Each structure stands twice: as C-alpha cells, then as structure tokens.
Amino acid sequence: FPPLHMIYAYTPLASGKTRIQPIYLTEKRQGFFGWFVTRFLLLCTKLAYYALRGEDGQIYDNIRFNPHVILSIDTPLVEYMNYVNKLEPSEWSKASY
C-alpha cells in the first residue's frame, strides 16, 4: 500500500479547547486513473483518521505541554516555537470565527 500521510494543525480556542485540523497528503498522480487513485488514497487516509480519532481524542484531551520541561532531543522544536512566538500575526492567521 502506498504511503499515506496525516499532518495535524492545532489551534487553541478561547474556551480552552483545541481545534484539530487534519491535513491529508499523498503523491499526485497523472491522468484520470491517477486522479482516481489519488482521491481514493486520500479517502482511505481520512477514514483512518476518523477510525482513530476517538482513541486519540482521549489522549489529546489530557496532554499538557510545558516547553520548559522537555527532552533534549526536542530542543529544535522549542527553538522553532520561540521563533514563531516572536512573529507578528498576519491578516490571514487571525481568527475570524
């Protein structure tokens, strides 16, 4: 089975909850058959996400992240977070809901 990729974008909400936006990726294929295969694989990825969402949701609801208490292997992540936190929000990144 070809590789299927899921990326998660997390947005903190004012209510204290987190909105999770799954992003599905697969290779873009040429031609009508390729288009069909690509769409089928994206659908499979989406179905896998929904099948696992309930179990993962229980874990996500209890995750508390503290950037000051991390493993040394996560240092690049903390450096990136510090960089992002210093950026000015752009118009497209401001919540409109």
Foldseek 3Di string as FASTA:
>chain_A
DFDKDKDWDWDQDPVRDIDIDIDIDDDQDDDPVSNVVRVVSSVVVVVVCVVCVVVVVVVVVPDDDDLVDDDPVCVVVSVVVVVVVPDDDDPVRDDDD
